[in-house]
Amino acid sequence: MSGTTTAAAVLRRRPAGAGADRWVVLVVLCVSLLLVAVDATVLHVAVPAVTEDLKPGGMELLWIVDVYPLVCASLLILFGTLGDRVGRRRVLLLGYTLFGVASGFAALAQSAEVLIMARALLGVGGAMIMPATLSILRQVFPDRRERALAIGIWSAVAAVGAAVGPLLGGFLLEHFWWGSVFLVNIPLMLVSLPVGRLLLPESKGDREGPWDVVGALMAAAGLFGVVLGVKGLGSGGPVGGLLTVLPLAVGAVLLAGFVRRQRRRACPLVDLKMFARPAFSTSVGCIVLAMLALVGLELIAAQYLQLVLGLSPLETGLRLLPLTFAAMAAGLAGARMLRRFGPRRMVCTGFCVTAFAVVLLTALGRTDECALMLTGFVLLGFGLETTLFGAYESMLSEAPQEQAGGAAAIGETSYQLGAGIGIALLGTVMNAAYAPGLSGVAGVPASASASAAHSLGEAYEVSARLGGPAGAALRHAARDAFVHGLHVTLLVSAGLLLLGAVMALRLPRVMQCEPGPVDLPAPRDAADSRVSV
């Protein structure tokens, strides 16, 4: 025991860029990422089971899925910049703890409201973990060529988590209740917490001045309001209008105030001058567009596989596996592709390949087209990971080391903001294309058609209650309407991806490598970690 403690102490004393220690740190960071990545996808195959058990409404179901990225996106800047001041390792370990506790609450939820609250707490924990992993990676890999390889491994692990999530969720749903999909986080947390405490080096930024508490809260509230406003687009009637206009207006005002405050402060939370660099601002925009176009597709695909094709949750996870394996391959090959082709061609090509894959999937219908689905998913996974790898690497390399936490928070905020808006936007497009297909079905009462228009799962329940020819007709119409909505959603996503390909033309042609080992900063005085309001 004493030998382990001594080794860990020596590891923490050694410089971040020295020896093989940085690769040990990378392993621990990848485990941290795995914790968040599994939770982000494990719920997708459980949505039908959650719907059947908790009976959430259409908006409640959206909240169950979407509140995690919404809260996470809102708080990334807060916790990313806080890690720069008080220690990234400290924030990371606190995130582990909260993530595990929230997972227990989610597993035992007996109502949609409790599950939404637990998912929100998971978002808080994720906001602590995600920017810390990237900012520590930025610190311990100062050489861009090594950092590109590390980011490739890091992103491949994210793809592993995306693969393990649906598979693990499908296996658990075959044998246990839906709440078990959240319990998988607890063993990961129990391993990550002591290992991270022993092996991870503490690091802080070198920036002087107090941490801007008011600015951090303004950014969190503003981002929350903007994403919440977009979510309001998914609801109808006057409530939907109120949920759209009011949060959007408040969020926009708060974000404008945040930007103004940062420009006027001598020690800003986020140095907005980074956005004047074309590579940085373009990379952030590419991340947003990629997630905006694609994040809702996995959720819709899971529903298509289960409700239209009738596959089990485990079979659904297996069908999504090629997508993730292709993403893993792109992540591992990313460093070599970046050196050979440069950021511009890499990101632009990734967008185009992904757009082609999305258009190819519009050929899916009511029958199981296994070969077509396999081809589309492989191209989708490879293209998406190529895009995100090139964008993340360019963004991190453009950011100064002393602002690694803030830059990582901006990148992860872009990712989560795109995810939150994407689910709301594509969900709205899906609903708008799906609902009209259920009006005027022969022999089906208007009230039944209105209830069935909320979701395909609800349509199946209504058709089962109706029974007879009317129930069969409603079920048939709902399935056709869902497939039509899927096609429309895919085409909208393809358009967004092509827009991203055009945006990527602003990235540098070649990869600029400027090696130079930089040690982790020594712990600062308590006075340097003070906060101000």
Protein backbone atom coordinates (compact mmCIF):
# COMPACT_ATOMS: atom_id res chain seq x y z
CA MET A 1 0.00 0.00 0.00
CA SER A 2 2.79 2.40 0.87
CA GLY A 3 4.52 1.61 -2.43
CA THR A 4 1.42 2.53 -4.38
CA THR A 5 1.08 5.78 -2.46
CA THR A 6 4.74 6.63 -3.01
CA ALA A 7 4.47 5.91 -6.76
CA ALA A 8 1.40 8.09 -7.01
CA ALA A 9 3.15 10.90 -5.15
CA VAL A 10 6.14 10.68 -7.47
CA LEU A 11 3.82 10.72 -10.48
CA ARG A 12 2.15 13.90 -9.28
CA ARG A 13 5.50 15.60 -8.71
CA ARG A 14 6.83 14.88 -12.18
CA PRO A 15 6.26 17.38 -14.98
CA ALA A 16 3.25 16.83 -17.19
CA GLY A 17 5.24 16.51 -20.36
CA ALA A 18 7.96 14.20 -19.01
CA GLY A 19 8.44 10.47 -19.57
CA ALA A 20 5.53 8.09 -20.03
CA ASP A 21 3.46 9.55 -17.19
CA ARG A 22 1.30 11.55 -19.60
CA TRP A 23 0.08 8.31 -21.20
CA VAL A 24 -0.97 6.99 -17.80
CA VAL A 25 -2.87 10.24 -17.28
CA LEU A 26 -4.52 9.74 -20.69
CA VAL A 27 -5.81 6.33 -19.59
CA VAL A 28 -7.41 7.83 -16.50
CA LEU A 29 -8.94 10.66 -18.55
CA CYS A 30 -10.36 8.15 -21.01
CA VAL A 31 -12.05 6.28 -18.17
CA SER A 32 -13.52 9.60 -17.07
CA LEU A 33 -14.87 10.20 -20.55
CA LEU A 34 -16.27 6.67 -20.70
CA LEU A 35 -18.36 7.46 -17.63
CA VAL A 36 -20.09 10.35 -19.40
CA ALA A 37 -20.26 8.76 -22.86
CA VAL A 38 -22.05 5.64 -21.62
CA ASP A 39 -24.68 7.70 -19.85
CA ALA A 40 -25.27 9.85 -22.93
CA THR A 41 -26.35 6.85 -25.03
CA VAL A 42 -27.52 4.19 -22.60
CA LEU A 43 -30.94 5.82 -22.26
CA HIS A 44 -31.71 5.81 -25.99
CA VAL A 45 -32.74 2.15 -26.19
CA ALA A 46 -34.66 2.49 -22.91
CA VAL A 47 -36.97 5.27 -24.13
CA PRO A 48 -39.82 2.87 -25.10
CA ALA A 49 -39.58 1.10 -21.71
CA VAL A 50 -39.54 4.42 -19.84
CA THR A 51 -42.56 5.56 -21.86
CA GLU A 52 -44.48 2.39 -21.02
CA ASP A 53 -43.67 2.50 -17.29
CA LEU A 54 -43.78 6.20 -16.37
CA LYS A 55 -46.31 7.31 -19.03
CA PRO A 56 -44.61 10.69 -19.69
CA GLY A 57 -46.24 13.20 -22.00
CA GLY A 58 -44.58 14.27 -25.23
CA MET A 59 -42.79 17.24 -23.64
CA GLU A 60 -41.86 15.22 -20.53
CA LEU A 61 -40.25 12.58 -22.74
CA LEU A 62 -38.27 15.30 -24.52
CA TRP A 63 -37.17 16.65 -21.13
CA ILE A 64 -36.10 13.19 -19.92
CA VAL A 65 -33.78 12.85 -22.90
CA ASP A 66 -32.82 16.50 -23.34
CA VAL A 67 -32.39 17.87 -19.81
CA TYR A 68 -29.00 16.17 -19.46
CA PRO A 69 -27.33 17.98 -22.40
CA LEU A 70 -29.24 21.18 -21.58
CA VAL A 71 -27.95 21.42 -18.00
CA CYS A 72 -24.51 20.16 -19.00
CA ALA A 73 -24.18 22.76 -21.75
CA SER A 74 -25.29 25.52 -19.39
CA LEU A 75 -22.67 24.79 -16.76
CA LEU A 76 -19.60 23.84 -18.82
CA ILE A 77 -18.16 27.36 -18.91
CA LEU A 78 -18.79 27.76 -15.17
CA PHE A 79 -16.99 24.56 -14.18
CA GLY A 80 -14.36 24.74 -16.94
CA THR A 81 -13.15 28.15 -15.83
CA LEU A 82 -13.53 27.21 -12.16
CA GLY A 83 -11.17 24.29 -12.79
CA ASP A 84 -8.60 26.72 -14.20
CA ARG A 85 -8.69 28.58 -10.87
CA VAL A 86 -9.18 25.97 -8.12
CA GLY A 87 -7.77 22.88 -9.84
CA ARG A 88 -9.06 20.73 -12.68
CA ARG A 89 -8.47 17.47 -10.83
CA ARG A 90 -10.46 18.73 -7.85
CA VAL A 91 -13.46 19.62 -10.01
CA LEU A 92 -13.19 16.31 -11.87
CA LEU A 93 -13.30 14.22 -8.69
CA LEU A 94 -16.29 16.18 -7.39
CA GLY A 95 -18.01 15.48 -10.70
CA TYR A 96 -17.41 11.75 -10.25
CA THR A 97 -19.13 11.82 -6.89
CA LEU A 98 -22.16 13.78 -8.04
CA PHE A 99 -22.51 11.63 -11.15
CA GLY A 100 -22.67 8.46 -9.09
CA VAL A 101 -25.22 9.85 -6.61
CA ALA A 102 -27.45 11.19 -9.38
CA SER A 103 -27.31 7.83 -11.17
CA GLY A 104 -28.77 6.17 -8.08
CA PHE A 105 -31.64 8.67 -7.95
CA ALA A 106 -32.37 8.15 -11.66
CA ALA A 107 -32.45 4.37 -11.30
CA LEU A 108 -35.01 4.53 -8.48
CA ALA A 109 -37.24 7.23 -10.06
CA GLN A 110 -40.95 6.45 -9.79
CA SER A 111 -42.21 9.36 -11.87
CA ALA A 112 -41.21 11.36 -14.92
CA GLU A 113 -40.59 14.44 -12.76
CA VAL A 114 -38.11 12.63 -10.49
CA LEU A 115 -36.30 11.16 -13.47
CA ILE A 116 -36.01 14.60 -15.06
CA MET A 117 -34.51 16.01 -11.84
CA ALA A 118 -32.04 13.12 -11.59
CA ARG A 119 -31.00 13.60 -15.21
CA ALA A 120 -30.46 17.29 -14.47
CA LEU A 121 -28.08 16.36 -11.62
CA LEU A 122 -26.28 14.02 -14.01
CA GLY A 123 -25.86 17.04 -16.27
CA VAL A 124 -24.21 18.97 -13.44
CA GLY A 125 -21.79 16.09 -12.85
CA GLY A 126 -21.08 15.80 -16.56
CA ALA A 127 -20.33 19.53 -16.73
CA MET A 128 -17.67 19.03 -14.06
CA ILE A 129 -16.10 16.02 -15.78
CA MET A 130 -16.04 16.88 -19.48
CA PRO A 131 -14.01 20.12 -19.65
CA ALA A 132 -11.63 18.84 -16.99
CA THR A 133 -10.64 15.84 -19.12
CA LEU A 134 -9.90 17.97 -22.18
CA SER A 135 -8.09 20.72 -20.31
CA ILE A 136 -5.85 18.25 -18.47
CA LEU A 137 -5.15 16.56 -21.80
CA ARG A 138 -4.19 19.94 -23.27
CA GLN A 139 -1.77 20.52 -20.40
CA VAL A 140 -0.04 17.15 -20.39
CA PHE A 141 0.41 16.96 -24.19
CA PRO A 142 2.05 20.26 -25.22
CA ASP A 143 3.43 18.76 -28.47
CA ARG A 144 0.71 19.02 -31.12
CA ARG A 145 1.61 15.76 -32.86
CA GLU A 146 1.39 13.79 -29.62
CA ARG A 147 -1.73 15.71 -28.64
CA ALA A 148 -3.41 14.78 -31.94
CA LEU A 149 -2.74 11.11 -31.18
CA ALA A 150 -4.04 11.55 -27.63
CA ILE A 151 -7.20 13.25 -28.88
CA GLY A 152 -7.67 10.40 -31.34
CA ILE A 153 -7.48 7.85 -28.52
CA TRP A 154 -9.72 10.05 -26.37
CA SER A 155 -12.35 10.31 -29.11
CA ALA A 156 -12.12 6.58 -29.86
CA VAL A 157 -12.94 5.91 -26.22
CA ALA A 158 -15.94 8.22 -26.58
CA ALA A 159 -17.04 6.04 -29.46
CA VAL A 160 -16.55 2.94 -27.31
CA GLY A 161 -18.81 4.51 -24.71
CA ALA A 162 -21.38 5.25 -27.37
CA ALA A 163 -21.23 1.58 -28.41
CA VAL A 164 -21.28 0.17 -24.90
CA GLY A 165 -24.25 2.36 -23.96
CA PRO A 166 -26.89 0.89 -26.31
CA LEU A 167 -25.48 -2.64 -26.02
CA LEU A 168 -25.35 -2.54 -22.25
CA GLY A 169 -28.73 -0.86 -22.10
CA GLY A 170 -30.22 -3.47 -24.41
CA PHE A 171 -28.75 -6.33 -22.36
CA LEU A 172 -30.01 -4.88 -19.09
CA LEU A 173 -33.49 -4.26 -20.51
CA GLU A 174 -33.65 -7.90 -21.60
CA HIS A 175 -33.14 -9.02 -17.99
CA PHE A 176 -33.99 -6.13 -15.64
CA TRP A 177 -36.11 -2.99 -15.40
CA TRP A 178 -35.23 0.23 -17.23
CA GLY A 179 -33.70 1.85 -14.13
CA SER A 180 -30.81 -0.59 -14.31
CA VAL A 181 -29.35 1.38 -17.25
CA PHE A 182 -28.37 4.11 -14.79
CA LEU A 183 -26.83 1.76 -12.24
CA VAL A 184 -23.92 1.02 -14.60
CA ASN A 185 -22.53 4.47 -13.80
CA ILE A 186 -21.98 3.63 -10.13
CA PRO A 187 -19.28 0.92 -10.59
CA LEU A 188 -17.45 3.19 -13.06
CA MET A 189 -17.56 6.02 -10.55
CA LEU A 190 -16.37 3.78 -7.71
CA VAL A 191 -13.32 2.82 -9.80
CA SER A 192 -12.64 6.28 -11.26
CA LEU A 193 -12.78 8.19 -7.98
CA PRO A 194 -9.88 6.49 -6.11
CA VAL A 195 -7.81 5.93 -9.28
CA GLY A 196 -8.20 9.56 -10.31
CA ARG A 197 -7.28 10.73 -6.84
CA LEU A 198 -4.09 8.65 -6.90
CA LEU A 199 -2.88 9.15 -10.47
CA LEU A 200 -4.16 12.42 -11.90
CA PRO A 201 -1.87 15.45 -11.55
CA GLU A 202 -3.45 18.65 -10.32
CA SER A 203 -3.21 21.54 -12.74
CA LYS A 204 -4.38 25.14 -12.82
CA GLY A 205 -4.12 28.00 -15.27
CA ASP A 206 -1.50 30.69 -14.84
CA ARG A 207 -3.99 33.53 -15.11
CA GLU A 208 -4.01 36.14 -12.37
CA GLY A 209 -7.01 37.90 -10.88
CA PRO A 210 -10.22 36.71 -9.28
CA TRP A 211 -12.68 34.23 -10.75
CA ASP A 212 -15.75 36.07 -12.08
CA VAL A 213 -18.67 34.43 -10.26
CA VAL A 214 -21.29 36.79 -11.72
CA GLY A 215 -20.00 36.21 -15.24
CA ALA A 216 -20.09 32.44 -14.79
CA LEU A 217 -23.68 32.55 -13.54
CA MET A 218 -24.71 34.86 -16.39
CA ALA A 219 -23.25 32.43 -18.93
CA ALA A 220 -24.99 29.46 -17.28
CA ALA A 221 -28.38 31.17 -17.09
CA GLY A 222 -28.07 32.59 -20.61
CA LEU A 223 -27.21 29.26 -22.20
CA PHE A 224 -29.99 27.55 -20.26
CA GLY A 225 -32.50 30.12 -21.45
CA VAL A 226 -31.47 29.84 -25.10
CA VAL A 227 -31.67 26.05 -25.20
CA LEU A 228 -34.89 26.06 -23.17
CA GLY A 229 -36.40 28.50 -25.65
CA VAL A 230 -35.52 26.24 -28.55
CA LYS A 231 -37.09 23.32 -26.68
CA GLY A 232 -40.28 25.37 -26.51
CA LEU A 233 -40.52 24.98 -30.28
CA GLY A 234 -41.45 21.38 -29.67
CA SER A 235 -44.68 22.26 -27.85
CA GLY A 236 -47.80 23.71 -29.38
CA GLY A 237 -50.32 26.32 -28.41
CA PRO A 238 -49.80 29.46 -26.31
CA VAL A 239 -47.69 27.61 -23.77
CA GLY A 240 -45.29 26.62 -26.54
CA GLY A 241 -45.08 30.24 -27.66
CA LEU A 242 -44.36 31.42 -24.12
CA LEU A 243 -41.73 28.72 -23.62
CA THR A 244 -40.06 29.85 -26.83
CA VAL A 245 -40.08 33.64 -26.72
CA LEU A 246 -39.49 34.37 -23.05
CA PRO A 247 -36.50 32.07 -22.38
CA LEU A 248 -34.93 32.98 -25.72
CA ALA A 249 -35.22 36.68 -24.97
CA VAL A 250 -33.91 36.36 -21.41
CA GLY A 251 -31.12 34.02 -22.50
CA ALA A 252 -30.05 36.30 -25.34
CA VAL A 253 -29.96 39.34 -23.03
CA LEU A 254 -27.89 37.46 -20.44
CA LEU A 255 -25.42 36.17 -23.03
CA ALA A 256 -25.07 39.67 -24.52
CA GLY A 257 -24.40 40.99 -21.02
CA PHE A 258 -21.87 38.21 -20.44
CA VAL A 259 -19.99 39.09 -23.64
CA ARG A 260 -19.95 42.78 -22.73
CA ARG A 261 -18.76 42.00 -19.20
CA GLN A 262 -15.92 39.79 -20.45
CA ARG A 263 -14.71 42.45 -22.87
CA ARG A 264 -14.53 45.06 -20.12
CA ARG A 265 -12.84 42.95 -17.43
CA ALA A 266 -9.09 42.89 -17.03
CA CYS A 267 -9.25 39.19 -16.08
CA PRO A 268 -12.17 37.71 -18.05
CA LEU A 269 -13.51 34.21 -17.56
CA VAL A 270 -13.24 33.57 -21.30
CA ASP A 271 -10.85 35.50 -23.49
CA LEU A 272 -13.16 36.37 -26.39
CA LYS A 273 -10.13 37.30 -28.48
CA MET A 274 -9.79 33.56 -29.16
CA PHE A 275 -12.85 33.84 -31.40
CA ALA A 276 -10.96 36.32 -33.59
CA ARG A 277 -8.78 33.40 -34.68
CA PRO A 278 -10.46 31.81 -37.72
CA ALA A 279 -9.36 28.29 -36.78
CA PHE A 280 -10.86 28.56 -33.29
CA SER A 281 -14.20 30.16 -34.21
CA THR A 282 -14.66 27.92 -37.25
CA SER A 283 -13.92 24.79 -35.22
CA VAL A 284 -16.52 25.78 -32.64
CA GLY A 285 -19.08 26.40 -35.38
CA CYS A 286 -18.33 23.04 -37.01
CA ILE A 287 -18.84 21.21 -33.71
CA VAL A 288 -22.21 22.91 -33.20
CA LEU A 289 -23.39 22.13 -36.73
CA ALA A 290 -22.26 18.51 -36.62
CA MET A 291 -24.14 17.85 -33.38
CA LEU A 292 -27.11 19.98 -34.41
CA ALA A 293 -27.53 17.84 -37.50
CA LEU A 294 -26.91 14.42 -36.01
CA VAL A 295 -27.57 14.05 -32.30
CA GLY A 296 -31.32 13.56 -32.67
CA LEU A 297 -30.85 10.94 -35.38
CA GLU A 298 -29.57 8.29 -32.97
CA LEU A 299 -32.66 8.72 -30.80
CA ILE A 300 -34.94 8.57 -33.84
CA ALA A 301 -32.99 5.60 -35.22
CA ALA A 302 -33.47 3.68 -31.97
CA GLN A 303 -37.22 4.27 -32.16
CA TYR A 304 -37.26 3.26 -35.84
CA LEU A 305 -35.43 0.01 -35.13
CA GLN A 306 -37.64 -0.94 -32.19
CA LEU A 307 -41.06 0.39 -33.14
CA VAL A 308 -41.04 0.14 -36.94
CA LEU A 309 -38.85 -2.93 -37.48
CA GLY A 310 -39.83 -4.56 -34.17
CA LEU A 311 -36.30 -5.27 -32.94
CA SER A 312 -35.56 -5.87 -29.27
CA PRO A 313 -33.46 -3.36 -27.29
CA LEU A 314 -30.43 -5.68 -27.48
CA GLU A 315 -30.87 -6.15 -31.24
CA THR A 316 -31.16 -2.37 -31.57
CA GLY A 317 -27.85 -1.90 -29.78
CA LEU A 318 -26.20 -4.45 -32.06
CA ARG A 319 -27.51 -2.67 -35.17
CA LEU A 320 -25.98 0.62 -33.97
CA LEU A 321 -22.62 -1.06 -33.26
CA PRO A 322 -21.11 -0.63 -36.78
CA LEU A 323 -21.61 3.14 -36.50
CA THR A 324 -19.53 3.20 -33.34
CA PHE A 325 -16.80 0.89 -34.62
CA ALA A 326 -16.42 3.15 -37.66
CA ALA A 327 -16.15 6.16 -35.34
CA MET A 328 -13.46 4.35 -33.32
CA ALA A 329 -11.49 3.67 -36.49
CA ALA A 330 -11.70 7.32 -37.54
CA GLY A 331 -10.55 8.45 -34.09
CA LEU A 332 -7.52 6.15 -34.10
CA ALA A 333 -6.59 7.17 -37.65
CA GLY A 334 -7.35 10.85 -37.02
CA ALA A 335 -3.81 11.98 -36.15
CA ARG A 336 -2.38 10.48 -39.33
CA MET A 337 -5.18 11.92 -41.49
CA LEU A 338 -4.72 15.34 -39.92
CA ARG A 339 -0.99 15.38 -40.68
CA ARG A 340 -1.54 14.20 -44.25
CA PHE A 341 -4.59 16.20 -45.31
CA GLY A 342 -4.68 19.14 -42.88
CA PRO A 343 -7.64 20.45 -40.87
CA ARG A 344 -9.51 22.02 -43.80
CA ARG A 345 -9.73 18.98 -46.04
CA MET A 346 -10.23 16.62 -43.12
CA VAL A 347 -13.22 18.42 -41.58
CA CYS A 348 -14.78 19.32 -44.95
CA THR A 349 -14.51 15.73 -46.19
CA GLY A 350 -15.94 14.42 -42.93
CA PHE A 351 -18.99 16.65 -43.32
CA CYS A 352 -19.51 15.53 -46.95
CA VAL A 353 -19.17 11.82 -46.14
CA THR A 354 -21.63 12.19 -43.27
CA ALA A 355 -24.12 14.08 -45.46
CA PHE A 356 -23.90 11.34 -48.10
CA ALA A 357 -24.55 8.69 -45.45
CA VAL A 358 -27.60 10.57 -44.16
CA VAL A 359 -29.06 10.90 -47.67
CA LEU A 360 -28.38 7.20 -48.27
CA LEU A 361 -30.43 6.31 -45.18
CA THR A 362 -33.51 8.00 -46.66
CA ALA A 363 -33.96 4.77 -48.63
CA LEU A 364 -34.98 3.00 -45.41
CA GLY A 365 -38.63 2.05 -45.22
CA ARG A 366 -41.00 -0.29 -43.38
CA THR A 367 -38.90 -3.37 -44.21
CA ASP A 368 -35.53 -4.31 -42.76
CA GLU A 369 -32.81 -3.25 -45.21
CA CYS A 370 -29.83 -4.63 -43.30
CA ALA A 371 -27.12 -4.06 -45.94
CA LEU A 372 -28.26 -0.50 -46.63
CA MET A 373 -28.40 0.28 -42.92
CA LEU A 374 -24.94 -1.18 -42.34
CA THR A 375 -23.41 0.89 -45.13
CA GLY A 376 -25.12 4.07 -43.99
CA PHE A 377 -24.16 3.62 -40.34
CA VAL A 378 -20.49 2.88 -41.16
CA LEU A 379 -20.20 5.99 -43.34
CA LEU A 380 -22.09 8.03 -40.75
CA GLY A 381 -19.81 7.02 -37.90
CA PHE A 382 -16.58 7.49 -39.85
CA GLY A 383 -17.60 10.85 -41.30
CA LEU A 384 -18.88 12.27 -38.01
CA GLU A 385 -15.82 11.26 -36.02
CA THR A 386 -13.50 12.63 -38.73
CA THR A 387 -15.31 15.96 -38.53
CA LEU A 388 -15.33 16.18 -34.74
CA PHE A 389 -11.71 15.05 -34.41
CA GLY A 390 -10.41 17.70 -36.80
CA ALA A 391 -12.55 20.42 -35.23
CA TYR A 392 -11.63 19.57 -31.62
CA GLU A 393 -7.91 19.28 -32.38
CA SER A 394 -7.84 22.62 -34.20
CA MET A 395 -9.79 24.34 -31.44
CA LEU A 396 -7.58 23.06 -28.60
CA SER A 397 -4.37 23.82 -30.48
CA GLU A 398 -5.44 27.42 -31.08
CA ALA A 399 -6.17 28.05 -27.38
CA PRO A 400 -3.40 29.25 -25.02
CA GLN A 401 -2.39 26.69 -22.40
CA GLU A 402 -3.31 28.97 -19.50
CA GLN A 403 -6.89 29.04 -20.81
CA ALA A 404 -7.15 25.29 -21.44
CA GLY A 405 -10.15 24.89 -19.12
CA GLY A 406 -12.05 27.75 -20.68
CA ALA A 407 -11.27 26.56 -24.21
CA ALA A 408 -12.28 23.00 -23.38
CA ALA A 409 -15.48 24.32 -21.83
CA ILE A 410 -16.24 26.27 -25.01
CA GLY A 411 -15.70 23.15 -27.11
CA GLU A 412 -17.86 20.98 -24.87
CA THR A 413 -20.47 23.74 -24.64
CA SER A 414 -20.58 23.78 -28.43
CA TYR A 415 -21.01 20.01 -28.44
CA GLN A 416 -23.74 19.98 -25.82
CA LEU A 417 -25.44 23.11 -27.14
CA GLY A 418 -25.59 21.54 -30.57
CA ALA A 419 -26.91 18.34 -28.99
CA GLY A 420 -29.62 20.10 -27.00
CA ILE A 421 -30.76 22.27 -29.88
CA GLY A 422 -30.47 19.35 -32.30
CA ILE A 423 -32.79 17.11 -30.30
CA ALA A 424 -35.33 19.90 -30.01
CA LEU A 425 -35.01 21.00 -33.64
CA LEU A 426 -35.02 17.55 -35.22
CA GLY A 427 -37.72 16.42 -32.81
CA THR A 428 -39.84 19.36 -33.94
CA VAL A 429 -39.19 18.53 -37.61
CA MET A 430 -40.04 14.90 -36.95
CA ASN A 431 -43.29 15.75 -35.17
CA ALA A 432 -44.30 18.26 -37.84
CA ALA A 433 -43.83 15.64 -40.57
CA TYR A 434 -45.34 12.76 -38.54
CA ALA A 435 -48.55 14.24 -37.12
CA PRO A 436 -50.36 15.14 -40.40
CA GLY A 437 -50.16 11.52 -41.54
CA LEU A 438 -52.60 10.47 -38.82
CA SER A 439 -55.44 12.83 -39.68
CA GLY A 440 -58.45 11.41 -41.46
CA VAL A 441 -57.63 7.70 -41.04
CA ALA A 442 -60.75 5.76 -42.06
CA GLY A 443 -62.75 4.42 -39.11
CA VAL A 444 -60.56 6.08 -36.46
CA PRO A 445 -62.20 8.67 -34.14
CA ALA A 446 -60.70 12.16 -34.21
CA SER A 447 -59.80 11.95 -30.50
CA ALA A 448 -57.86 8.74 -31.06
CA SER A 449 -56.00 10.26 -34.03
CA ALA A 450 -55.09 13.30 -31.92
CA SER A 451 -53.66 11.10 -29.15
CA ALA A 452 -51.75 8.98 -31.66
CA ALA A 453 -50.18 12.09 -33.20
CA HIS A 454 -47.99 12.65 -30.12
CA SER A 455 -45.58 9.77 -30.80
CA LEU A 456 -45.38 6.39 -32.52
CA GLY A 457 -45.36 4.57 -29.19
CA GLU A 458 -48.55 6.33 -28.16
CA ALA A 459 -50.11 5.51 -31.55
CA TYR A 460 -49.45 1.83 -30.94
CA GLU A 461 -51.15 2.02 -27.53
CA VAL A 462 -54.19 3.77 -29.01
CA SER A 463 -54.42 1.24 -31.84
CA ALA A 464 -54.27 -1.64 -29.35
CA ARG A 465 -57.17 -0.11 -27.39
CA LEU A 466 -59.22 0.39 -30.55
CA GLY A 467 -58.62 -3.10 -31.89
CA GLY A 468 -60.20 -4.49 -35.04
CA PRO A 469 -59.84 -2.90 -38.48
CA ALA A 470 -59.71 0.63 -37.03
CA GLY A 471 -56.78 -0.26 -34.77
CA ALA A 472 -54.92 -1.99 -37.61
CA ALA A 473 -55.51 1.00 -39.90
CA LEU A 474 -54.20 3.43 -37.27
CA ARG A 475 -51.13 1.30 -36.63
CA HIS A 476 -50.39 1.08 -40.35
CA ALA A 477 -50.85 4.84 -40.85
CA ALA A 478 -48.68 5.67 -37.82
CA ARG A 479 -45.85 3.49 -39.07
CA ASP A 480 -45.96 5.07 -42.52
CA ALA A 481 -46.12 8.57 -41.01
CA PHE A 482 -43.08 7.86 -38.83
CA VAL A 483 -41.04 6.63 -41.81
CA HIS A 484 -42.03 9.76 -43.74
CA GLY A 485 -41.00 11.93 -40.79
CA LEU A 486 -37.68 10.08 -40.61
CA HIS A 487 -36.98 10.85 -44.27
CA VAL A 488 -37.75 14.55 -43.84
CA THR A 489 -35.55 14.74 -40.74
CA LEU A 490 -32.66 13.05 -42.56
CA LEU A 491 -32.85 15.54 -45.42
CA VAL A 492 -32.83 18.50 -43.01
CA SER A 493 -29.77 17.01 -41.31
CA ALA A 494 -28.01 16.57 -44.65
CA GLY A 495 -28.56 20.25 -45.43
CA LEU A 496 -27.02 21.28 -42.12
CA LEU A 497 -24.03 19.02 -42.74
CA LEU A 498 -23.37 20.53 -46.16
CA LEU A 499 -23.51 23.96 -44.54
CA GLY A 500 -20.82 22.73 -42.14
CA ALA A 501 -18.67 21.59 -45.09
CA VAL A 502 -18.78 25.13 -46.49
CA MET A 503 -17.90 26.58 -43.08
CA ALA A 504 -14.89 24.23 -42.77
CA LEU A 505 -13.25 25.94 -45.76
CA ARG A 506 -12.07 28.66 -43.32
CA LEU A 507 -9.83 26.20 -41.45
CA PRO A 508 -6.04 26.15 -42.08
CA ARG A 509 -4.82 24.03 -44.97
CA VAL A 510 -1.99 22.37 -43.06
CA MET A 511 -1.36 21.27 -39.48
CA GLN A 512 1.02 23.71 -37.77
CA CYS A 513 3.21 21.81 -35.28
CA GLU A 514 5.04 23.78 -32.64
CA PRO A 515 6.47 21.28 -30.14
CA GLY A 516 7.67 22.43 -26.84
CA PRO A 517 7.22 20.64 -23.49
CA VAL A 518 5.49 22.69 -20.86
CA ASP A 519 5.43 21.62 -17.23
CA LEU A 520 2.28 21.76 -15.17
CA PRO A 521 2.13 24.95 -13.14
CA ALA A 522 2.95 24.73 -9.48
CA PRO A 523 0.05 25.17 -7.04
CA ARG A 524 -0.69 28.83 -6.52
CA ASP A 525 -1.18 30.72 -3.35
CA ALA A 526 -4.61 30.79 -1.83
CA ALA A 527 -4.81 34.48 -2.72
CA ASP A 528 -4.55 33.62 -6.43
CA SER A 529 -7.59 31.31 -6.22
CA ARG A 530 -9.92 33.89 -4.73
CA VAL A 531 -13.27 34.61 -6.35
CA SER A 532 -15.08 37.89 -6.82
CA VAL A 533 -18.64 39.00 -7.32
